[in-house]
Amino acid sequence: MNGRDDLGAGDGLGALGGPGEATSAPLAGIVVADFSRVLAGPYASMFLADLGATVIKIERPGTGDDTRAWGPPWTCVASSYFESVNRSKLSVTLDLADAQDRAVARRMAERADVLVENFKTGTLDRYGLGYSALQSVNPGLVYASVTGFGSAGGASLPGYDFLVQAVGGLMSITGEPGGEPLKVGVALVDVLTGKDATIGILAALRAREVTGRGRRIEVNLLSSLLGSLVNQASGTLATGQSPGRLGNRHPSITPYETLNCADAPLAIACGNDGQFARLVATLGIPGLAADPRFLTNADRVAHREELVAALESALATDTAARWEAALVSAGLAAGRVGTIAEAIERARALGLDPTYEVGPGRPAQVRHPILYSDHVPRRDLPPPTLGQHSDVIRQRFGPEPLQTNETPEAIP
């Protein structure tokens, strides 16, 4: 802990969410001052809230987080976009241009374990909320900054997921060969960056247990994207050549793509020669496994077009559903292309318990994705209305900032 256990379950802030409070969760007692908005930062802080941290979301008066207005679709509280990354948090509205509100924010930051922010570089410094100013009075603070392009040469550049998908190379490998570059169907770079921020925060909290000191961590959308391009980035560095768009095909494996059946496409993934032999046997064309053109994966990639033609000729004799059943029974990876609703139902059928209810009139939430070997309590609470907890948080942190000669233990 950071000497601030009184800010967790002990002072009532943790109990604001109601009976779902997870006082024995892994991050119980950790307090997060969340100055972030939109997606990457709020996604990271939501993970911390899931695991028991008390997350106080600081929002602009009147409008709040930008994503509250990013609809349709809407819920009874805000947009479903906002609700996707802000569950189990407390909301306070503070105007950082106002001296009294700024004092509340400063006092909160001086007593938090973690601060998350995604302002343009230097913005919070002007309000006395930068890392240097806070570290001197809160040496245990883990200060997490999320930017688009880093705090050096890219400090002035606005960071939006769509833009980074474009300039970061992801769109160049997404889409059909010869077709238009396409973005991924979700703000994937923001999500990946949020996960990186979570990893960095947890690592810094672990290090603090040893050293007693926090640190600043920084993640940016471009670096998180590059780190997630894995084999595509590695191949570029190895060859000096950037890959192009292959649609649903894999650059290094085949068959590992969607193939047409009599009525619909079927996703088929073969990762080794044994799986390929079982595939062609199930399709009734076992001789392909001994064909010199298809003996190894490298052979199959070199003769991809001939292989796809032969496979689709066999698949055209029946429906995607029937082929899926036959291939899965043979222990192969195959599946029809489904909708998100169908994916949720599939997860439910597999016993993954993918969603949970957060209250009357509120849509279900997708459950925290990590499974543990024993029960780990979580907060499963609805996202807050704008400023829902402002009164109690303002009362708790008061109108005046913490004086530099006060120690955390001396705070009433």
Protein backbone atom coordinates (compact mmCIF):
# COMPACT_ATOMS: atom_id res chain seq x y z
CA MET A 1 0.00 0.00 0.00
CA ASN A 2 0.96 3.63 -0.28
CA GLY A 3 0.18 4.62 3.29
CA ARG A 4 -3.32 5.54 2.11
CA ASP A 5 -5.44 2.57 3.11
CA ASP A 6 -7.92 5.00 4.63
CA LEU A 7 -8.95 5.99 1.11
CA GLY A 8 -10.19 2.51 0.25
CA ALA A 9 -12.71 0.41 2.11
CA GLY A 10 -11.90 2.20 5.36
CA ASP A 11 -13.29 5.63 4.51
CA GLY A 12 -16.49 4.68 2.76
CA LEU A 13 -15.40 5.56 -0.75
CA GLY A 14 -15.14 1.91 -1.68
CA ALA A 15 -18.65 1.27 -0.40
CA LEU A 16 -20.24 3.89 -2.64
CA GLY A 17 -20.83 1.30 -5.31
CA GLY A 18 -23.12 -0.81 -3.16
CA PRO A 19 -23.13 -4.47 -2.23
CA GLY A 20 -20.86 -5.54 -5.08
CA GLU A 21 -17.84 -4.08 -3.29
CA ALA A 22 -14.95 -6.57 -3.39
CA THR A 23 -13.01 -5.82 -0.22
CA SER A 24 -10.89 -8.95 -0.58
CA ALA A 25 -10.12 -8.45 -4.26
CA PRO A 26 -6.45 -8.28 -5.37
CA LEU A 27 -6.41 -4.46 -5.63
CA ALA A 28 -8.66 -3.68 -2.67
CA GLY A 29 -7.36 -0.54 -0.94
CA ILE A 30 -5.69 0.81 -4.09
CA VAL A 31 -7.08 4.23 -5.05
CA VAL A 32 -6.92 5.42 -8.65
CA ALA A 33 -7.40 9.04 -9.68
CA ASP A 34 -8.58 8.63 -13.27
CA PHE A 35 -8.14 11.80 -15.31
CA SER A 36 -8.42 9.91 -18.60
CA ARG A 37 -11.27 9.88 -21.06
CA VAL A 38 -12.42 8.20 -24.29
CA LEU A 39 -11.05 4.64 -24.47
CA ALA A 40 -7.43 3.60 -23.79
CA GLY A 41 -7.10 5.20 -20.34
CA PRO A 42 -10.63 4.35 -19.14
CA TYR A 43 -10.17 0.76 -20.36
CA ALA A 44 -7.04 0.44 -18.20
CA SER A 45 -8.69 1.96 -15.13
CA MET A 46 -11.73 -0.29 -15.58
CA PHE A 47 -9.47 -3.34 -15.37
CA LEU A 48 -8.14 -1.97 -12.07
CA ALA A 49 -11.70 -1.38 -10.85
CA ASP A 50 -12.66 -4.93 -11.83
CA LEU A 51 -9.93 -6.18 -9.52
CA GLY A 52 -11.07 -4.13 -6.56
CA ALA A 53 -9.34 -0.75 -6.87
CA THR A 54 -11.37 2.33 -5.96
CA VAL A 55 -11.36 4.29 -9.23
CA ILE A 56 -12.44 7.93 -9.06
CA LYS A 57 -13.23 9.23 -12.53
CA ILE A 58 -12.69 12.98 -12.87
CA GLU A 59 -14.97 14.45 -15.54
CA ARG A 60 -15.70 17.85 -17.03
CA PRO A 61 -18.81 19.54 -15.62
CA GLY A 62 -21.73 19.54 -18.01
CA THR A 63 -20.39 17.15 -20.64
CA GLY A 64 -18.21 14.64 -18.85
CA ASP A 65 -16.16 12.11 -20.75
CA ASP A 66 -16.47 12.70 -24.50
CA THR A 67 -17.80 9.20 -25.03
CA ARG A 68 -20.93 9.85 -22.97
CA ALA A 69 -22.23 11.54 -26.15
CA TRP A 70 -20.88 8.98 -28.64
CA GLY A 71 -24.14 7.38 -29.69
CA PRO A 72 -26.27 5.75 -30.82
CA PRO A 73 -26.75 3.23 -29.34
CA TRP A 74 -27.80 4.71 -26.00
CA THR A 75 -28.59 3.36 -22.56
CA CYS A 76 -30.75 5.07 -19.95
CA VAL A 77 -27.60 6.81 -18.63
CA ALA A 78 -25.25 7.51 -21.54
CA SER A 79 -23.97 5.96 -24.72
CA SER A 80 -23.27 2.24 -24.72
CA TYR A 81 -19.75 3.24 -25.83
CA PHE A 82 -19.17 5.03 -22.53
CA GLU A 83 -20.65 2.18 -20.53
CA SER A 84 -18.32 -0.35 -22.19
CA VAL A 85 -15.23 0.97 -20.37
CA ASN A 86 -16.44 2.74 -17.23
CA ARG A 87 -18.11 0.18 -14.99
CA SER A 88 -17.43 0.04 -11.24
CA LYS A 89 -16.08 3.61 -11.06
CA LEU A 90 -17.01 6.68 -9.04
CA SER A 91 -17.68 9.93 -10.95
CA VAL A 92 -16.87 13.45 -9.77
CA THR A 93 -17.14 16.57 -11.93
CA LEU A 94 -14.26 19.01 -11.56
CA ASP A 95 -13.32 22.04 -13.64
CA LEU A 96 -9.52 22.17 -13.56
CA ALA A 97 -9.63 25.84 -14.58
CA ASP A 98 -11.44 26.61 -11.32
CA ALA A 99 -9.15 27.09 -8.33
CA GLN A 100 -11.36 25.29 -5.81
CA ASP A 101 -12.00 22.34 -8.12
CA ARG A 102 -8.32 22.19 -8.95
CA ALA A 103 -7.55 22.05 -5.22
CA VAL A 104 -9.84 19.04 -4.82
CA ALA A 105 -8.15 17.33 -7.77
CA ARG A 106 -4.72 18.11 -6.36
CA ARG A 107 -5.55 16.73 -2.92
CA MET A 108 -6.97 13.61 -4.51
CA ALA A 109 -3.85 13.08 -6.63
CA GLU A 110 -1.57 13.64 -3.65
CA ARG A 111 -3.29 10.79 -1.80
CA ALA A 112 -3.87 8.32 -4.64
CA ASP A 113 -1.89 5.17 -5.36
CA VAL A 114 -2.31 5.51 -9.13
CA LEU A 115 -3.05 8.41 -11.45
CA VAL A 116 -4.10 7.76 -15.06
CA GLU A 117 -4.19 10.58 -17.60
CA ASN A 118 -4.26 11.08 -21.36
CA PHE A 119 -4.07 14.83 -21.73
CA LYS A 120 -1.73 16.42 -24.24
CA THR A 121 1.80 16.42 -22.86
CA GLY A 122 2.28 19.29 -20.40
CA THR A 123 -1.40 20.04 -19.83
CA LEU A 124 -1.59 18.67 -16.28
CA ASP A 125 1.74 20.30 -15.41
CA ARG A 126 0.05 23.67 -15.91
CA TYR A 127 -2.54 22.71 -13.30
CA GLY A 128 0.00 21.50 -10.75
CA LEU A 129 -0.95 17.90 -11.49
CA GLY A 130 2.14 16.79 -13.39
CA TYR A 131 4.33 13.95 -12.18
CA SER A 132 7.19 16.11 -10.95
CA ALA A 133 4.90 18.23 -8.78
CA LEU A 134 3.08 15.24 -7.32
CA GLN A 135 6.05 12.92 -6.86
CA SER A 136 7.66 15.22 -4.32
CA VAL A 137 4.64 14.99 -1.96
CA ASN A 138 3.43 11.52 -2.96
CA PRO A 139 6.58 9.48 -3.65
CA GLY A 140 4.63 6.24 -3.88
CA LEU A 141 2.43 7.48 -6.74
CA VAL A 142 2.28 5.39 -9.91
CA TYR A 143 1.62 7.98 -12.62
CA ALA A 144 0.44 6.52 -15.94
CA SER A 145 0.36 8.71 -19.03
CA VAL A 146 -1.31 7.60 -22.26
CA THR A 147 -0.43 9.53 -25.42
CA GLY A 148 -0.89 9.10 -29.14
CA PHE A 149 2.70 9.38 -30.28
CA GLY A 150 4.80 9.79 -27.15
CA SER A 151 5.88 12.84 -25.16
CA ALA A 152 8.93 13.75 -27.27
CA GLY A 153 8.61 14.43 -31.00
CA GLY A 154 4.95 13.48 -31.11
CA ALA A 155 3.84 15.47 -28.08
CA SER A 156 1.75 17.93 -30.10
CA LEU A 157 0.06 15.31 -32.30
CA PRO A 158 -3.54 14.33 -31.52
CA GLY A 159 -3.84 10.61 -30.92
CA TYR A 160 -6.92 8.90 -32.28
CA ASP A 161 -7.18 5.16 -32.80
CA PHE A 162 -8.29 5.53 -36.42
CA LEU A 163 -5.36 7.80 -37.23
CA VAL A 164 -2.85 5.44 -35.64
CA GLN A 165 -4.35 2.45 -37.46
CA ALA A 166 -3.67 4.41 -40.66
CA VAL A 167 -0.18 5.78 -40.06
CA GLY A 168 0.94 2.81 -37.93
CA GLY A 169 0.66 0.27 -40.72
CA LEU A 170 -2.35 -1.71 -39.52
CA MET A 171 -4.62 -0.50 -42.32
CA SER A 172 -1.95 -1.37 -44.88
CA ILE A 173 -2.32 -5.08 -44.04
CA THR A 174 -6.11 -5.05 -43.53
CA GLY A 175 -8.45 -5.54 -46.46
CA GLU A 176 -8.54 -7.44 -49.71
CA PRO A 177 -5.52 -7.64 -52.06
CA GLY A 178 -5.61 -4.66 -54.38
CA GLY A 179 -8.50 -3.19 -52.43
CA GLU A 180 -8.83 -0.16 -50.17
CA PRO A 181 -6.93 -0.18 -46.86
CA LEU A 182 -9.39 -0.79 -44.03
CA LYS A 183 -9.50 -0.16 -40.32
CA VAL A 184 -10.27 -2.99 -37.93
CA GLY A 185 -13.93 -3.13 -36.87
CA VAL A 186 -13.19 -1.95 -33.30
CA ALA A 187 -10.80 0.63 -31.82
CA LEU A 188 -8.22 -2.11 -31.42
CA VAL A 189 -5.19 0.15 -30.91
CA ASP A 190 -6.89 1.90 -27.99
CA VAL A 191 -7.73 -1.48 -26.45
CA LEU A 192 -4.18 -2.79 -26.87
CA THR A 193 -2.76 0.43 -25.41
CA GLY A 194 -5.15 0.18 -22.45
CA LYS A 195 -3.93 -3.35 -21.77
CA ASP A 196 -0.30 -2.17 -21.99
CA ALA A 197 -1.10 0.61 -19.52
CA THR A 198 -2.64 -1.93 -17.14
CA ILE A 199 0.46 -4.12 -17.35
CA GLY A 200 2.71 -1.15 -16.64
CA ILE A 201 0.61 0.00 -13.68
CA LEU A 202 0.56 -3.45 -12.10
CA ALA A 203 4.32 -3.84 -12.61
CA ALA A 204 4.94 -0.44 -11.01
CA LEU A 205 2.71 -1.31 -8.05
CA ARG A 206 4.63 -4.55 -7.57
CA ALA A 207 7.97 -2.70 -7.68
CA ARG A 208 6.62 -0.22 -5.13
CA GLU A 209 6.14 -3.07 -2.66
CA VAL A 210 9.92 -3.56 -2.76
CA THR A 211 11.19 0.01 -3.08
CA GLY A 212 8.40 2.00 -1.46
CA ARG A 213 8.49 4.37 -4.42
CA GLY A 214 6.23 4.82 -7.39
CA ARG A 215 7.24 5.90 -10.85
CA ARG A 216 5.92 7.39 -14.03
CA ILE A 217 5.03 5.04 -16.85
CA GLU A 218 4.13 6.11 -20.36
CA VAL A 219 2.39 4.21 -23.13
CA ASN A 220 1.48 5.53 -26.56
CA LEU A 221 -0.81 4.26 -29.27
CA LEU A 222 1.86 3.99 -31.96
CA SER A 223 4.27 1.93 -29.83
CA SER A 224 1.49 -0.34 -28.62
CA LEU A 225 0.41 -0.95 -32.21
CA LEU A 226 3.96 -1.67 -33.38
CA GLY A 227 4.45 -4.06 -30.48
CA SER A 228 1.26 -5.86 -31.48
CA LEU A 229 2.17 -6.33 -35.15
CA VAL A 230 4.39 -9.26 -34.04
CA ASN A 231 5.18 -11.45 -37.07
CA GLN A 232 4.26 -8.73 -39.57
CA ALA A 233 6.67 -6.25 -37.99
CA SER A 234 9.32 -8.94 -37.55
CA GLY A 235 9.00 -9.93 -41.20
CA THR A 236 9.39 -6.33 -42.26
CA LEU A 237 12.57 -5.95 -40.21
CA ALA A 238 13.93 -9.27 -41.50
CA THR A 239 13.33 -8.58 -45.18
CA GLY A 240 13.17 -4.82 -45.49
CA GLN A 241 9.83 -5.29 -47.27
CA SER A 242 6.45 -4.27 -45.90
CA PRO A 243 3.69 -6.87 -46.33
CA GLY A 244 0.53 -6.06 -48.23
CA ARG A 245 -3.13 -6.90 -47.76
CA LEU A 246 -4.15 -10.55 -47.95
CA GLY A 247 -7.79 -10.36 -46.93
CA ASN A 248 -8.50 -13.28 -44.61
CA ARG A 249 -5.35 -15.14 -45.62
CA HIS A 250 -2.26 -15.59 -43.45
CA PRO A 251 1.09 -14.56 -44.93
CA SER A 252 2.94 -17.63 -43.63
CA ILE A 253 0.37 -20.43 -43.24
CA THR A 254 -2.21 -22.07 -45.50
CA PRO A 255 -4.96 -23.12 -45.30
CA TYR A 256 -5.54 -20.46 -42.65
CA GLU A 257 -8.37 -18.42 -44.14
CA THR A 258 -12.03 -18.42 -45.09
CA LEU A 259 -12.97 -20.90 -47.80
CA ASN A 260 -16.27 -20.98 -49.67
CA CYS A 261 -18.73 -23.81 -49.07
CA ALA A 262 -22.01 -24.41 -50.88
CA ASP A 263 -23.78 -21.61 -49.04
CA ALA A 264 -21.33 -19.56 -46.98
CA PRO A 265 -17.65 -19.15 -46.09
CA LEU A 266 -15.98 -21.31 -43.46
CA ALA A 267 -12.90 -20.30 -41.47
CA ILE A 268 -10.33 -23.10 -41.49
CA ALA A 269 -6.98 -23.02 -39.69
CA CYS A 270 -4.35 -25.72 -40.23
CA GLY A 271 -1.18 -25.18 -38.23
CA ASN A 272 0.82 -28.28 -39.17
CA ASP A 273 1.13 -31.15 -41.63
CA GLY A 274 -0.81 -33.61 -39.48
CA GLN A 275 -3.79 -31.28 -39.34
CA PHE A 276 -3.63 -30.81 -43.10
CA ALA A 277 -3.71 -34.57 -43.65
CA ARG A 278 -6.81 -34.85 -41.43
CA LEU A 279 -8.44 -31.93 -43.23
CA VAL A 280 -8.13 -33.39 -46.71
CA ALA A 281 -9.13 -36.83 -45.46
CA THR A 282 -12.29 -35.37 -43.91
CA LEU A 283 -13.04 -33.54 -47.14
CA GLY A 284 -12.70 -36.77 -49.09
CA ILE A 285 -9.55 -35.78 -50.97
CA PRO A 286 -6.80 -37.55 -48.95
CA GLY A 287 -4.45 -37.70 -51.92
CA LEU A 288 -3.66 -34.00 -51.52
CA ALA A 289 -1.60 -34.81 -48.42
CA ALA A 290 0.88 -36.73 -50.60
CA ASP A 291 0.88 -34.23 -53.47
CA PRO A 292 4.43 -32.77 -53.81
CA ARG A 293 2.91 -29.29 -54.07
CA PHE A 294 1.32 -29.61 -50.61
CA LEU A 295 3.68 -31.81 -48.56
CA THR A 296 4.80 -29.07 -46.17
CA ASN A 297 3.42 -25.75 -45.08
CA ALA A 298 6.07 -23.96 -47.15
CA ASP A 299 4.95 -25.99 -50.19
CA ARG A 300 1.33 -25.13 -49.53
CA VAL A 301 2.07 -21.41 -49.22
CA ALA A 302 4.03 -21.54 -52.50
CA HIS A 303 1.05 -23.21 -54.24
CA ARG A 304 -1.72 -21.47 -52.35
CA GLU A 305 -3.99 -20.81 -55.33
CA GLU A 306 -3.99 -24.42 -56.51
CA LEU A 307 -4.64 -25.64 -52.97
CA VAL A 308 -7.52 -23.24 -52.37
CA ALA A 309 -9.14 -24.28 -55.65
CA ALA A 310 -8.96 -27.95 -54.69
CA LEU A 311 -10.30 -27.36 -51.18
CA GLU A 312 -13.16 -25.14 -52.29
CA SER A 313 -14.14 -27.69 -54.95
CA ALA A 314 -14.63 -30.24 -52.18
CA LEU A 315 -16.29 -27.79 -49.80
CA ALA A 316 -18.79 -26.77 -52.49
CA THR A 317 -20.52 -30.14 -52.12
CA ASP A 318 -22.11 -29.27 -48.76
CA THR A 319 -23.08 -26.44 -46.43
CA ALA A 320 -20.76 -24.56 -44.09
CA ALA A 321 -22.67 -25.85 -41.06
CA ARG A 322 -22.23 -29.49 -42.05
CA TRP A 323 -18.58 -29.07 -42.91
CA GLU A 324 -17.98 -27.27 -39.62
CA ALA A 325 -19.48 -30.18 -37.69
CA ALA A 326 -17.41 -32.73 -39.62
CA LEU A 327 -14.14 -30.85 -39.27
CA VAL A 328 -14.62 -30.10 -35.56
CA SER A 329 -15.38 -33.78 -34.98
CA ALA A 330 -12.05 -34.55 -36.65
CA GLY A 331 -10.29 -32.30 -34.15
CA LEU A 332 -9.72 -29.47 -36.60
CA ALA A 333 -10.12 -25.70 -36.18
CA ALA A 334 -13.10 -24.62 -38.26
CA GLY A 335 -16.03 -22.29 -37.78
CA ARG A 336 -18.59 -20.25 -39.63
CA VAL A 337 -18.28 -16.48 -39.59
CA GLY A 338 -20.62 -15.32 -36.84
CA THR A 339 -22.02 -12.05 -35.54
CA ILE A 340 -21.11 -10.54 -32.16
CA ALA A 341 -24.45 -11.71 -30.76
CA GLU A 342 -23.71 -15.22 -31.98
CA ALA A 343 -20.23 -15.06 -30.46
CA ILE A 344 -21.71 -14.17 -27.06
CA GLU A 345 -24.14 -17.08 -27.33
CA ARG A 346 -21.32 -19.43 -28.32
CA ALA A 347 -19.31 -18.34 -25.27
CA ARG A 348 -22.36 -18.92 -23.10
CA ALA A 349 -22.86 -22.39 -24.58
CA LEU A 350 -19.23 -23.21 -23.80
CA GLY A 351 -19.73 -22.31 -20.14
CA LEU A 352 -17.65 -19.14 -20.29
CA ASP A 353 -20.34 -17.00 -18.60
CA PRO A 354 -19.49 -14.03 -20.87
CA THR A 355 -21.85 -11.37 -19.47
CA TYR A 356 -23.40 -10.20 -16.21
CA GLU A 357 -26.21 -7.89 -15.17
CA VAL A 358 -25.50 -4.58 -13.45
CA GLY A 359 -28.96 -3.42 -12.49
CA PRO A 360 -32.54 -2.82 -13.62
CA GLY A 361 -32.81 -0.97 -16.90
CA ARG A 362 -29.09 -1.25 -17.61
CA PRO A 363 -27.68 -3.40 -20.41
CA ALA A 364 -25.52 -6.36 -19.50
CA GLN A 365 -21.75 -5.95 -19.40
CA VAL A 366 -19.13 -8.19 -20.96
CA ARG A 367 -17.41 -9.92 -18.07
CA HIS A 368 -13.78 -9.35 -17.07
CA PRO A 369 -11.95 -11.79 -19.37
CA ILE A 370 -9.38 -13.35 -17.02
CA LEU A 371 -10.19 -16.60 -15.22
CA TYR A 372 -8.33 -17.48 -12.02
CA SER A 373 -7.74 -20.88 -10.43
CA ASP A 374 -9.66 -19.79 -7.35
CA HIS A 375 -12.40 -17.24 -6.85
CA VAL A 376 -11.21 -13.66 -7.20
CA PRO A 377 -13.84 -11.16 -6.02
CA ARG A 378 -14.63 -8.36 -8.44
CA ARG A 379 -16.70 -5.24 -8.50
CA ASP A 380 -19.47 -5.82 -11.02
CA LEU A 381 -21.23 -2.47 -10.73
CA PRO A 382 -22.90 -0.21 -13.30
CA PRO A 383 -21.03 2.72 -14.87
CA PRO A 384 -21.72 5.95 -12.97
CA THR A 385 -23.97 8.78 -14.02
CA LEU A 386 -22.13 12.06 -14.58
CA GLY A 387 -21.03 13.44 -11.23
CA GLN A 388 -22.92 10.74 -9.33
CA HIS A 389 -20.43 10.79 -6.43
CA SER A 390 -19.40 14.45 -6.56
CA ASP A 391 -20.82 15.46 -3.19
CA VAL A 392 -19.17 12.76 -1.12
CA ILE A 393 -15.85 13.02 -2.97
CA ARG A 394 -15.75 16.80 -2.63
CA GLN A 395 -16.51 16.45 1.06
CA ARG A 396 -13.87 13.77 1.48
CA PHE A 397 -11.07 15.72 -0.19
CA GLY A 398 -12.18 19.16 0.89
CA PRO A 399 -11.77 22.56 -0.75
CA GLU A 400 -8.09 23.00 0.09
CA PRO A 401 -5.12 21.16 -1.37
CA LEU A 402 -2.87 19.04 0.84
CA GLN A 403 -0.03 21.11 2.28
CA THR A 404 3.46 19.86 1.49
CA ASN A 405 4.33 19.59 5.20
CA GLU A 406 1.47 17.17 5.87
CA THR A 407 2.15 13.46 5.90
CA PRO A 408 -0.44 10.98 4.62
CA GLU A 409 -0.83 9.54 8.14
CA ALA A 410 -1.68 12.99 9.52
CA ILE A 411 -4.66 13.48 7.22
CA PRO A 412 -7.89 13.21 9.17
